[in-house]
N, C-alpha and C. Protein backbone atom coordinates (compact mmCIF):
# COMPACT_ATOMS: atom_id res chain seq x y z
N MET A 1 -118.10 -106.25 -136.47
CA MET A 1 -117.18 -106.14 -137.58
C MET A 1 -117.97 -105.84 -138.85
N ASN A 2 -117.47 -104.93 -139.66
CA ASN A 2 -118.23 -104.55 -140.84
C ASN A 2 -117.70 -105.21 -142.10
N LYS A 3 -118.41 -104.97 -143.20
CA LYS A 3 -118.08 -105.59 -144.48
C LYS A 3 -116.70 -105.18 -144.98
N ALA A 4 -116.28 -103.96 -144.62
CA ALA A 4 -115.00 -103.45 -145.10
C ALA A 4 -113.83 -104.27 -144.55
N GLN A 5 -114.06 -105.00 -143.49
CA GLN A 5 -112.99 -105.78 -142.89
C GLN A 5 -112.91 -107.18 -143.47
N VAL A 6 -113.55 -107.39 -144.61
CA VAL A 6 -113.50 -108.67 -145.31
C VAL A 6 -112.46 -108.56 -146.42
N SER A 7 -111.59 -109.56 -146.49
CA SER A 7 -110.60 -109.59 -147.56
C SER A 7 -110.53 -111.00 -148.12
N VAL A 8 -110.13 -111.09 -149.38
CA VAL A 8 -109.96 -112.38 -150.05
C VAL A 8 -108.55 -112.39 -150.62
N THR A 9 -107.88 -113.51 -150.42
CA THR A 9 -106.52 -113.66 -150.93
C THR A 9 -106.37 -115.02 -151.60
N GLU A 10 -105.53 -115.06 -152.62
CA GLU A 10 -105.18 -116.35 -153.20
C GLU A 10 -104.16 -116.99 -152.27
N ALA A 11 -104.45 -118.18 -151.81
CA ALA A 11 -103.61 -118.83 -150.81
C ALA A 11 -102.26 -119.22 -151.39
N ASP A 12 -101.28 -119.15 -150.52
CA ASP A 12 -99.94 -119.67 -150.79
C ASP A 12 -99.80 -120.89 -149.89
N LEU A 13 -99.97 -122.07 -150.45
CA LEU A 13 -100.01 -123.28 -149.63
C LEU A 13 -98.65 -123.71 -149.11
N SER A 14 -97.63 -122.89 -149.31
CA SER A 14 -96.36 -123.13 -148.63
C SER A 14 -96.37 -122.44 -147.26
N ARG A 15 -97.33 -121.57 -147.03
CA ARG A 15 -97.44 -120.85 -145.75
C ARG A 15 -98.29 -121.65 -144.77
N PRO A 16 -97.74 -121.95 -143.59
CA PRO A 16 -98.47 -122.75 -142.60
C PRO A 16 -99.85 -122.18 -142.24
N GLU A 17 -99.97 -120.86 -142.15
CA GLU A 17 -101.25 -120.27 -141.78
C GLU A 17 -102.30 -120.46 -142.87
N HIS A 18 -101.87 -120.48 -144.13
CA HIS A 18 -102.80 -120.76 -145.22
C HIS A 18 -103.15 -122.25 -145.27
N GLN A 19 -102.20 -123.09 -144.96
CA GLN A 19 -102.47 -124.53 -144.88
C GLN A 19 -103.51 -124.81 -143.79
N GLU A 20 -103.29 -124.24 -142.61
CA GLU A 20 -104.21 -124.46 -141.49
C GLU A 20 -105.60 -123.93 -141.80
N ALA A 21 -105.68 -122.74 -142.37
CA ALA A 21 -106.99 -122.17 -142.72
C ALA A 21 -107.70 -123.04 -143.75
N THR A 22 -106.97 -123.53 -144.74
CA THR A 22 -107.57 -124.37 -145.78
C THR A 22 -108.14 -125.65 -145.19
N VAL A 23 -107.37 -126.33 -144.37
CA VAL A 23 -107.85 -127.59 -143.77
C VAL A 23 -109.02 -127.32 -142.83
N HIS A 24 -108.94 -126.27 -142.03
CA HIS A 24 -110.01 -125.92 -141.09
C HIS A 24 -111.32 -125.65 -141.84
N LEU A 25 -111.26 -124.82 -142.87
CA LEU A 25 -112.45 -124.47 -143.63
C LEU A 25 -112.98 -125.64 -144.44
N LEU A 26 -112.07 -126.43 -145.03
CA LEU A 26 -112.51 -127.59 -145.81
C LEU A 26 -113.19 -128.61 -144.90
N ASN A 27 -112.68 -128.80 -143.70
CA ASN A 27 -113.32 -129.72 -142.76
C ASN A 27 -114.71 -129.21 -142.36
N ALA A 28 -114.83 -127.91 -142.13
CA ALA A 28 -116.14 -127.34 -141.80
C ALA A 28 -117.11 -127.54 -142.96
N TYR A 29 -116.63 -127.35 -144.18
CA TYR A 29 -117.47 -127.58 -145.36
C TYR A 29 -117.87 -129.05 -145.46
N ALA A 30 -116.93 -129.94 -145.22
CA ALA A 30 -117.22 -131.37 -145.28
C ALA A 30 -118.34 -131.73 -144.29
N MET A 31 -118.35 -131.11 -143.12
CA MET A 31 -119.36 -131.41 -142.10
C MET A 31 -120.71 -130.78 -142.40
N ASP A 32 -120.75 -129.79 -143.25
CA ASP A 32 -121.99 -129.09 -143.58
C ASP A 32 -122.94 -130.04 -144.31
N PRO A 33 -124.25 -129.93 -144.06
CA PRO A 33 -125.20 -130.79 -144.78
C PRO A 33 -125.13 -130.63 -146.30
N MET A 34 -124.67 -129.49 -146.79
CA MET A 34 -124.53 -129.29 -148.22
C MET A 34 -123.13 -129.67 -148.71
N GLY A 35 -122.31 -130.15 -147.80
CA GLY A 35 -121.00 -130.70 -148.16
C GLY A 35 -121.11 -132.21 -148.20
N ASP A 36 -120.42 -132.86 -147.25
CA ASP A 36 -120.46 -134.33 -147.20
C ASP A 36 -121.22 -134.82 -145.96
N GLY A 37 -121.59 -133.88 -145.06
CA GLY A 37 -122.34 -134.25 -143.87
C GLY A 37 -121.52 -134.94 -142.81
N LYS A 38 -120.20 -134.99 -142.98
CA LYS A 38 -119.33 -135.62 -141.98
C LYS A 38 -117.93 -135.01 -142.10
N PRO A 39 -117.15 -135.07 -141.03
CA PRO A 39 -115.80 -134.48 -141.08
C PRO A 39 -114.90 -135.20 -142.08
N LEU A 40 -113.85 -134.51 -142.48
CA LEU A 40 -112.82 -135.13 -143.30
C LEU A 40 -112.19 -136.28 -142.53
N SER A 41 -111.79 -137.30 -143.22
CA SER A 41 -111.08 -138.41 -142.58
C SER A 41 -109.70 -137.92 -142.12
N GLU A 42 -109.10 -138.66 -141.22
CA GLU A 42 -107.73 -138.33 -140.79
C GLU A 42 -106.79 -138.31 -142.00
N THR A 43 -106.97 -139.27 -142.88
CA THR A 43 -106.13 -139.35 -144.07
C THR A 43 -106.29 -138.10 -144.93
N ALA A 44 -107.53 -137.69 -145.15
CA ALA A 44 -107.77 -136.49 -145.96
C ALA A 44 -107.17 -135.25 -145.29
N ARG A 45 -107.37 -135.11 -143.97
CA ARG A 45 -106.80 -133.95 -143.27
C ARG A 45 -105.28 -133.95 -143.38
N ARG A 46 -104.69 -135.12 -143.29
CA ARG A 46 -103.23 -135.23 -143.33
C ARG A 46 -102.69 -134.95 -144.74
N ASP A 47 -103.40 -135.44 -145.78
CA ASP A 47 -102.84 -135.44 -147.13
C ASP A 47 -103.35 -134.35 -148.07
N VAL A 48 -104.40 -133.63 -147.69
CA VAL A 48 -105.01 -132.70 -148.64
C VAL A 48 -104.06 -131.58 -149.06
N ILE A 49 -103.30 -131.03 -148.15
CA ILE A 49 -102.42 -129.91 -148.52
C ILE A 49 -101.33 -130.39 -149.48
N SER A 50 -100.69 -131.51 -149.18
CA SER A 50 -99.65 -131.99 -150.09
C SER A 50 -100.26 -132.34 -151.45
N GLY A 51 -101.47 -132.91 -151.45
CA GLY A 51 -102.14 -133.22 -152.71
C GLY A 51 -102.44 -131.97 -153.52
N LEU A 52 -102.95 -130.95 -152.85
CA LEU A 52 -103.25 -129.68 -153.54
C LEU A 52 -101.97 -129.04 -154.07
N ARG A 53 -100.91 -129.09 -153.27
CA ARG A 53 -99.64 -128.48 -153.70
C ARG A 53 -99.04 -129.22 -154.89
N GLU A 54 -99.23 -130.53 -154.94
CA GLU A 54 -98.66 -131.32 -156.03
C GLU A 54 -99.51 -131.25 -157.30
N HIS A 55 -100.78 -130.92 -157.16
CA HIS A 55 -101.65 -130.86 -158.34
C HIS A 55 -101.32 -129.58 -159.11
N PRO A 56 -100.98 -129.68 -160.39
CA PRO A 56 -100.46 -128.52 -161.11
C PRO A 56 -101.46 -127.42 -161.41
N THR A 57 -102.75 -127.65 -161.23
CA THR A 57 -103.72 -126.63 -161.63
C THR A 57 -104.48 -126.04 -160.44
N THR A 58 -104.02 -126.30 -159.22
CA THR A 58 -104.73 -125.86 -158.02
C THR A 58 -104.71 -124.35 -157.85
N LEU A 59 -105.87 -123.81 -157.51
CA LEU A 59 -106.02 -122.41 -157.09
C LEU A 59 -106.88 -122.44 -155.82
N VAL A 60 -106.39 -121.84 -154.75
CA VAL A 60 -107.14 -121.79 -153.49
C VAL A 60 -107.30 -120.34 -153.09
N PHE A 61 -108.53 -119.97 -152.72
CA PHE A 61 -108.83 -118.62 -152.28
C PHE A 61 -109.36 -118.68 -150.85
N LEU A 62 -108.88 -117.78 -150.01
CA LEU A 62 -109.31 -117.70 -148.62
C LEU A 62 -109.95 -116.35 -148.37
N ALA A 63 -111.10 -116.36 -147.68
CA ALA A 63 -111.76 -115.11 -147.28
C ALA A 63 -111.55 -114.95 -145.78
N TYR A 64 -111.20 -113.75 -145.40
CA TYR A 64 -110.98 -113.42 -143.99
C TYR A 64 -111.93 -112.31 -143.58
N ARG A 65 -112.39 -112.39 -142.37
CA ARG A 65 -113.13 -111.30 -141.74
C ARG A 65 -112.25 -110.85 -140.60
N GLY A 66 -111.58 -109.72 -140.80
CA GLY A 66 -110.50 -109.35 -139.90
C GLY A 66 -109.37 -110.34 -140.13
N SER A 67 -108.92 -111.00 -139.07
CA SER A 67 -107.85 -111.99 -139.20
C SER A 67 -108.39 -113.42 -139.17
N GLU A 68 -109.73 -113.58 -139.10
CA GLU A 68 -110.34 -114.90 -139.00
C GLU A 68 -110.68 -115.45 -140.38
N PRO A 69 -110.19 -116.66 -140.72
CA PRO A 69 -110.58 -117.27 -141.99
C PRO A 69 -112.03 -117.73 -141.92
N VAL A 70 -112.86 -117.25 -142.86
CA VAL A 70 -114.30 -117.54 -142.81
C VAL A 70 -114.86 -118.10 -144.11
N GLY A 71 -114.05 -118.13 -145.17
CA GLY A 71 -114.53 -118.62 -146.45
C GLY A 71 -113.41 -119.24 -147.26
N LEU A 72 -113.80 -120.16 -148.13
CA LEU A 72 -112.83 -120.94 -148.90
C LEU A 72 -113.37 -121.26 -150.28
N ALA A 73 -112.50 -121.23 -151.26
CA ALA A 73 -112.82 -121.75 -152.59
C ALA A 73 -111.58 -122.50 -153.08
N ILE A 74 -111.77 -123.77 -153.40
CA ILE A 74 -110.70 -124.58 -153.99
C ILE A 74 -111.09 -124.81 -155.44
N CYS A 75 -110.22 -124.41 -156.33
CA CYS A 75 -110.51 -124.44 -157.76
C CYS A 75 -109.40 -125.17 -158.51
N PHE A 76 -109.73 -125.61 -159.69
CA PHE A 76 -108.76 -126.27 -160.55
C PHE A 76 -108.92 -125.76 -161.97
N ARG A 77 -107.80 -125.45 -162.61
CA ARG A 77 -107.84 -125.06 -164.01
C ARG A 77 -108.10 -126.29 -164.85
N GLY A 78 -108.92 -126.13 -165.86
CA GLY A 78 -109.21 -127.17 -166.83
C GLY A 78 -109.03 -126.58 -168.22
N PHE A 79 -109.58 -127.27 -169.21
CA PHE A 79 -109.43 -126.81 -170.58
C PHE A 79 -110.70 -127.08 -171.36
N SER A 80 -111.18 -126.08 -172.06
CA SER A 80 -112.34 -126.22 -172.93
C SER A 80 -111.83 -126.53 -174.34
N THR A 81 -112.11 -127.74 -174.79
CA THR A 81 -111.65 -128.11 -176.13
C THR A 81 -112.38 -127.33 -177.22
N PHE A 82 -113.67 -127.06 -177.03
CA PHE A 82 -114.43 -126.35 -178.06
C PHE A 82 -114.00 -124.88 -178.17
N ALA A 83 -113.60 -124.28 -177.05
CA ALA A 83 -113.13 -122.90 -177.08
C ALA A 83 -111.61 -122.82 -177.24
N ALA A 84 -110.93 -123.94 -177.04
CA ALA A 84 -109.46 -124.00 -177.11
C ALA A 84 -108.83 -123.00 -176.15
N ARG A 85 -109.43 -122.92 -174.96
CA ARG A 85 -108.94 -122.00 -173.92
C ARG A 85 -109.11 -122.67 -172.56
N PRO A 86 -108.35 -122.22 -171.57
CA PRO A 86 -108.52 -122.76 -170.22
C PRO A 86 -109.83 -122.32 -169.60
N LEU A 87 -110.22 -123.02 -168.55
CA LEU A 87 -111.37 -122.66 -167.73
C LEU A 87 -110.99 -122.89 -166.27
N VAL A 88 -111.79 -122.40 -165.36
CA VAL A 88 -111.59 -122.67 -163.93
C VAL A 88 -112.85 -123.32 -163.40
N ASN A 89 -112.67 -124.47 -162.75
CA ASN A 89 -113.76 -125.16 -162.08
C ASN A 89 -113.65 -124.90 -160.58
N ILE A 90 -114.74 -124.44 -159.99
CA ILE A 90 -114.80 -124.22 -158.54
C ILE A 90 -115.25 -125.55 -157.94
N SER A 91 -114.33 -126.23 -157.29
CA SER A 91 -114.60 -127.57 -156.76
C SER A 91 -115.23 -127.51 -155.38
N ASP A 92 -114.66 -126.72 -154.50
CA ASP A 92 -115.17 -126.58 -153.12
C ASP A 92 -115.35 -125.09 -152.84
N TYR A 93 -116.49 -124.76 -152.27
CA TYR A 93 -116.84 -123.35 -152.03
C TYR A 93 -117.64 -123.29 -150.74
N PHE A 94 -117.15 -122.53 -149.76
CA PHE A 94 -117.78 -122.55 -148.44
C PHE A 94 -117.55 -121.23 -147.71
N VAL A 95 -118.60 -120.79 -147.03
CA VAL A 95 -118.52 -119.67 -146.09
C VAL A 95 -119.21 -120.14 -144.82
N PHE A 96 -118.57 -119.92 -143.67
CA PHE A 96 -119.20 -120.29 -142.41
C PHE A 96 -120.60 -119.69 -142.33
N PRO A 97 -121.60 -120.46 -141.91
CA PRO A 97 -122.98 -119.96 -141.87
C PRO A 97 -123.15 -118.64 -141.13
N GLU A 98 -122.43 -118.46 -140.04
CA GLU A 98 -122.59 -117.22 -139.26
C GLU A 98 -121.99 -116.00 -139.95
N HIS A 99 -121.30 -116.21 -141.06
CA HIS A 99 -120.71 -115.09 -141.81
C HIS A 99 -121.37 -114.92 -143.18
N ARG A 100 -122.44 -115.64 -143.42
CA ARG A 100 -123.15 -115.52 -144.70
C ARG A 100 -124.05 -114.29 -144.70
N GLY A 101 -124.36 -113.82 -145.88
CA GLY A 101 -125.30 -112.72 -146.01
C GLY A 101 -124.67 -111.35 -145.98
N ILE A 102 -123.34 -111.25 -145.92
CA ILE A 102 -122.69 -109.94 -145.92
C ILE A 102 -121.77 -109.75 -147.13
N GLY A 103 -121.84 -110.67 -148.09
CA GLY A 103 -121.09 -110.49 -149.33
C GLY A 103 -119.77 -111.24 -149.42
N ILE A 104 -119.45 -112.08 -148.44
CA ILE A 104 -118.19 -112.82 -148.49
C ILE A 104 -118.17 -113.76 -149.68
N GLY A 105 -119.26 -114.48 -149.91
CA GLY A 105 -119.34 -115.39 -151.05
C GLY A 105 -119.17 -114.66 -152.36
N ARG A 106 -119.81 -113.50 -152.49
CA ARG A 106 -119.67 -112.70 -153.71
C ARG A 106 -118.22 -112.26 -153.91
N ARG A 107 -117.56 -111.90 -152.81
CA ARG A 107 -116.16 -111.46 -152.92
C ARG A 107 -115.26 -112.62 -153.34
N LEU A 108 -115.53 -113.81 -152.82
CA LEU A 108 -114.77 -114.99 -153.25
C LEU A 108 -114.95 -115.22 -154.75
N LEU A 109 -116.20 -115.22 -155.21
CA LEU A 109 -116.48 -115.44 -156.62
C LEU A 109 -115.83 -114.36 -157.49
N SER A 110 -115.84 -113.14 -157.03
CA SER A 110 -115.22 -112.05 -157.77
C SER A 110 -113.71 -112.26 -157.90
N ALA A 111 -113.06 -112.70 -156.82
CA ALA A 111 -111.62 -112.95 -156.86
C ALA A 111 -111.29 -114.10 -157.81
N ILE A 112 -112.13 -115.13 -157.80
CA ILE A 112 -111.93 -116.26 -158.71
C ILE A 112 -112.08 -115.80 -160.15
N GLU A 113 -113.12 -115.02 -160.42
CA GLU A 113 -113.35 -114.53 -161.78
C GLU A 113 -112.20 -113.66 -162.25
N GLN A 114 -111.71 -112.79 -161.38
CA GLN A 114 -110.60 -111.92 -161.76
C GLN A 114 -109.37 -112.76 -162.12
N ARG A 115 -109.06 -113.76 -161.30
CA ARG A 115 -107.90 -114.62 -161.58
C ARG A 115 -108.11 -115.41 -162.87
N ALA A 116 -109.31 -115.91 -163.09
CA ALA A 116 -109.61 -116.65 -164.32
C ALA A 116 -109.43 -115.76 -165.55
N ARG A 117 -109.85 -114.52 -165.46
CA ARG A 117 -109.65 -113.59 -166.58
C ARG A 117 -108.16 -113.37 -166.82
N GLU A 118 -107.39 -113.21 -165.74
CA GLU A 118 -105.94 -113.05 -165.88
C GLU A 118 -105.30 -114.25 -166.57
N LEU A 119 -105.85 -115.44 -166.33
CA LEU A 119 -105.33 -116.67 -166.92
C LEU A 119 -105.85 -116.90 -168.34
N GLY A 120 -106.70 -116.00 -168.84
CA GLY A 120 -107.25 -116.13 -170.19
C GLY A 120 -108.34 -117.17 -170.32
N CYS A 121 -109.03 -117.45 -169.22
CA CYS A 121 -110.06 -118.49 -169.22
C CYS A 121 -111.31 -118.04 -169.97
N CYS A 122 -112.01 -119.04 -170.51
CA CYS A 122 -113.24 -118.76 -171.24
C CYS A 122 -114.47 -118.86 -170.35
N ARG A 123 -114.37 -119.56 -169.22
CA ARG A 123 -115.53 -119.67 -168.33
C ARG A 123 -115.14 -120.23 -166.97
N LEU A 124 -116.08 -120.05 -166.04
CA LEU A 124 -116.03 -120.67 -164.72
C LEU A 124 -117.09 -121.75 -164.68
N THR A 125 -116.80 -122.85 -164.03
CA THR A 125 -117.78 -123.92 -163.85
C THR A 125 -117.84 -124.29 -162.38
N LEU A 126 -118.95 -124.90 -161.99
CA LEU A 126 -119.10 -125.39 -160.63
C LEU A 126 -120.26 -126.37 -160.59
N GLU A 127 -120.38 -127.08 -159.50
CA GLU A 127 -121.55 -127.91 -159.25
C GLU A 127 -122.17 -127.44 -157.95
N VAL A 128 -123.45 -127.68 -157.78
CA VAL A 128 -124.14 -127.27 -156.56
C VAL A 128 -125.22 -128.31 -156.27
N GLN A 129 -125.40 -128.58 -154.99
CA GLN A 129 -126.45 -129.51 -154.58
C GLN A 129 -127.81 -128.93 -155.00
N GLU A 130 -128.67 -129.78 -155.48
CA GLU A 130 -129.98 -129.37 -155.97
C GLU A 130 -130.77 -128.57 -154.95
N ASN A 131 -130.68 -128.93 -153.68
CA ASN A 131 -131.45 -128.26 -152.64
C ASN A 131 -130.67 -127.19 -151.88
N ASN A 132 -129.50 -126.80 -152.38
CA ASN A 132 -128.71 -125.75 -151.73
C ASN A 132 -129.18 -124.41 -152.28
N HIS A 133 -130.35 -124.00 -151.83
CA HIS A 133 -131.01 -122.82 -152.36
C HIS A 133 -130.22 -121.54 -152.11
N HIS A 134 -129.58 -121.43 -150.94
CA HIS A 134 -128.79 -120.23 -150.64
C HIS A 134 -127.64 -120.09 -151.65
N ALA A 135 -126.87 -121.17 -151.83
CA ALA A 135 -125.74 -121.11 -152.76
C ALA A 135 -126.23 -120.84 -154.19
N LYS A 136 -127.33 -121.44 -154.57
CA LYS A 136 -127.85 -121.22 -155.92
C LYS A 136 -128.20 -119.75 -156.14
N ARG A 137 -128.73 -119.09 -155.11
CA ARG A 137 -129.03 -117.65 -155.23
C ARG A 137 -127.74 -116.85 -155.38
N VAL A 138 -126.71 -117.20 -154.60
CA VAL A 138 -125.42 -116.51 -154.71
C VAL A 138 -124.84 -116.69 -156.10
N TYR A 139 -124.85 -117.93 -156.59
CA TYR A 139 -124.30 -118.20 -157.92
C TYR A 139 -125.08 -117.49 -159.01
N SER A 140 -126.39 -117.51 -158.92
CA SER A 140 -127.24 -116.85 -159.91
C SER A 140 -126.96 -115.35 -159.93
N ALA A 141 -126.85 -114.75 -158.76
CA ALA A 141 -126.58 -113.31 -158.67
C ALA A 141 -125.22 -112.97 -159.28
N ALA A 142 -124.30 -113.94 -159.26
CA ALA A 142 -122.97 -113.72 -159.82
C ALA A 142 -122.91 -114.05 -161.31
N GLY A 143 -124.05 -114.45 -161.90
CA GLY A 143 -124.10 -114.68 -163.33
C GLY A 143 -124.02 -116.14 -163.76
N PHE A 144 -124.01 -117.06 -162.81
CA PHE A 144 -123.98 -118.49 -163.16
C PHE A 144 -125.38 -118.95 -163.52
N SER A 145 -125.45 -119.89 -164.46
CA SER A 145 -126.71 -120.53 -164.82
C SER A 145 -126.41 -121.93 -165.31
N ARG A 146 -127.46 -122.72 -165.44
CA ARG A 146 -127.30 -124.07 -165.95
C ARG A 146 -126.72 -124.00 -167.36
N ALA A 147 -125.70 -124.80 -167.61
CA ALA A 147 -125.04 -124.78 -168.92
C ALA A 147 -125.94 -125.40 -169.97
N VAL A 148 -126.18 -124.66 -171.03
CA VAL A 148 -126.91 -125.15 -172.20
C VAL A 148 -126.06 -124.77 -173.41
N TYR A 149 -125.57 -125.77 -174.10
CA TYR A 149 -124.70 -125.52 -175.25
C TYR A 149 -125.48 -125.47 -176.55
N VAL A 150 -126.41 -126.40 -176.73
CA VAL A 150 -127.30 -126.43 -177.87
C VAL A 150 -128.70 -126.63 -177.29
N PRO A 151 -129.59 -125.66 -177.44
CA PRO A 151 -130.91 -125.76 -176.79
C PRO A 151 -131.63 -127.08 -177.03
N GLU A 152 -131.52 -127.62 -178.23
CA GLU A 152 -132.21 -128.88 -178.54
C GLU A 152 -131.68 -130.06 -177.72
N ALA A 153 -130.46 -129.95 -177.22
CA ALA A 153 -129.86 -131.03 -176.43
C ALA A 153 -130.24 -130.94 -174.95
N GLY A 154 -130.82 -129.83 -174.54
CA GLY A 154 -131.17 -129.64 -173.14
C GLY A 154 -129.98 -129.15 -172.34
N GLY A 155 -130.21 -128.94 -171.05
CA GLY A 155 -129.14 -128.45 -170.18
C GLY A 155 -128.21 -129.58 -169.78
N SER A 156 -127.02 -129.20 -169.37
CA SER A 156 -126.04 -130.21 -168.97
C SER A 156 -126.33 -130.71 -167.56
N LEU A 157 -125.92 -131.93 -167.30
CA LEU A 157 -126.05 -132.55 -165.99
C LEU A 157 -124.67 -132.95 -165.52
N TYR A 158 -124.42 -132.86 -164.23
CA TYR A 158 -123.16 -133.30 -163.66
C TYR A 158 -123.36 -134.72 -163.14
N LEU A 159 -122.57 -135.66 -163.62
CA LEU A 159 -122.68 -137.05 -163.22
C LEU A 159 -121.40 -137.48 -162.54
N SER A 160 -121.48 -138.54 -161.73
CA SER A 160 -120.33 -139.02 -160.99
C SER A 160 -120.35 -140.54 -160.92
N LYS A 161 -119.17 -141.14 -160.90
CA LYS A 161 -119.04 -142.58 -160.70
C LYS A 161 -117.92 -142.81 -159.71
N PRO A 162 -118.24 -143.24 -158.50
CA PRO A 162 -117.18 -143.50 -157.51
C PRO A 162 -116.26 -144.63 -157.96
N LEU A 163 -114.99 -144.46 -157.69
CA LEU A 163 -114.01 -145.50 -158.02
C LEU A 163 -113.36 -146.02 -156.76
């Protein structure tokens, strides 16, 4: 199968086939060492689609190679107070390892960027594991870099506190 048979679509989570593809790909990402290293819980598999559908800022993109779902990006719209404009955060981003290296990730990022521009967003944001060198190369090639707002303050760090 060649690169021309790759397509990216914004998911319609009311469609069962998009729901199934989203859960399948998200579970594969969860099991990946650069994801969570373990499968989604039964609860997460059961509730993720309804949660995404109920969340008012959800954007989901699916990449297909032919008719096979091979890539996923789950994003959420946010808001930049300093720019007074919306932004899009890429929360989950995954391409099956056997389909990497042919531009699927770049096509996903391009679709996200196009949608963000349509929404009038000022930027895209994401987080990446420090040792996920492959993803970091993809993001860098797409124009992402460590956020630095004021050079004297240093670059931004992503922090988390489990609740």
